[in-house]
Structure formats: C-alpha cells, structure tokens
Amino acid sequence: VHPYISEGFGEDFVPENYDMSVIDHFEQVTDKDGAVMARRLAKEEGLFCGYSAGSCFQGLLQLKDKLDENSVVVCVFHDHGSRYVGKVYNDQWMMERGFLEVKTFRDIVSGRAHNKLINVNPSHTVAEAVALMKKYDIEHIPVMNGSGPAGAISEGG
C-alpha cells in the first residue's frame, strides 16, 4: 500500500463482487505515469479517457516484455476524461504535482526560435495572405514592413 493521487482505485474497501482468485498479476503504476498516459491516449489515439484508463494502459506497456503471443490481457477503460478536465487535462494541475515540466515564457519562445515567422508585407495581396494562412493552418498573419510590424490580417476580420 502506498499513497496515491489517482481517483477510483486503491480505495480502502473491497467490493463484494471482487474475486481475487481470477487475478494473475497486479502491476503498480505511478500517479504521474497514469496521468501522462491518459493525456497521451487523448492526444495520440483520440481516446478521451479517465485517469485510471491511463494507468491501465501504462501498466500494460510496463508488462509488454513479459507477454507473448499466447498472453491474454484485459484492459477496461471504464470512464471518460470529462471528469478530469480540471486535473489530468489541466496543465497547471499537472505542473503543481510535478507531472509536467514547468515552462516559462522564455522556454516556450526559445523552443520555437528555429521556426520561421510566417508573415506578409504591404505589397502582398489579401489573396496571397489567405493562401499562406490556409497553407500553414493559422488564423492570423502579421503584416511586416521594413521597420517592423505594420498590422495583421485575421481570419475573423
């Protein structure tokens, strides 16, 4: 038994319908790994699932080297992520618990320093600006002249 943040499992009671005789193995997953995996499942697989589903899948990944073609594994993703929007899917909550790296504005900007700023100048037509916005899937594009920003064109007007 160890302290946990995860909700829904590790409770201090055992339901009457719980039959431990059919369980072959329990895999321990950290709170951080379960939360991070829930977010990965949402981002990479489009599965907006709960904290315990992230832990379930993380446990499966931890076991993958012990499994073979005859192994039978059951993973139950029994809830959805809407209950965890303020927790697992909230960057601030994740950072406060050390589950996500805290990034400063400088970290974010410096990480994108290699990216080219997509912009137009006053000689470009609106059609050219719109074409660039569509190409790069952006909603706003700055208009730059020789001395700096001259304005912007936005999708919404």
Foldseek 3Di string as FASTA:
>chain_A
DDDADDPDPPDPDDDPPDDCVPDDDDFDDHQLQLLVQCVCCCVPVVAQADSVLSVQVSSCVVCVVVDDPPDDDDRDRDGGNPVQCVASVDPVNCVVVVSDPDDDPCRVCVVCVVPDQAAAEPVDDVVVVVVSCVVVVHFKHFYADPVGTPGIDGNVD
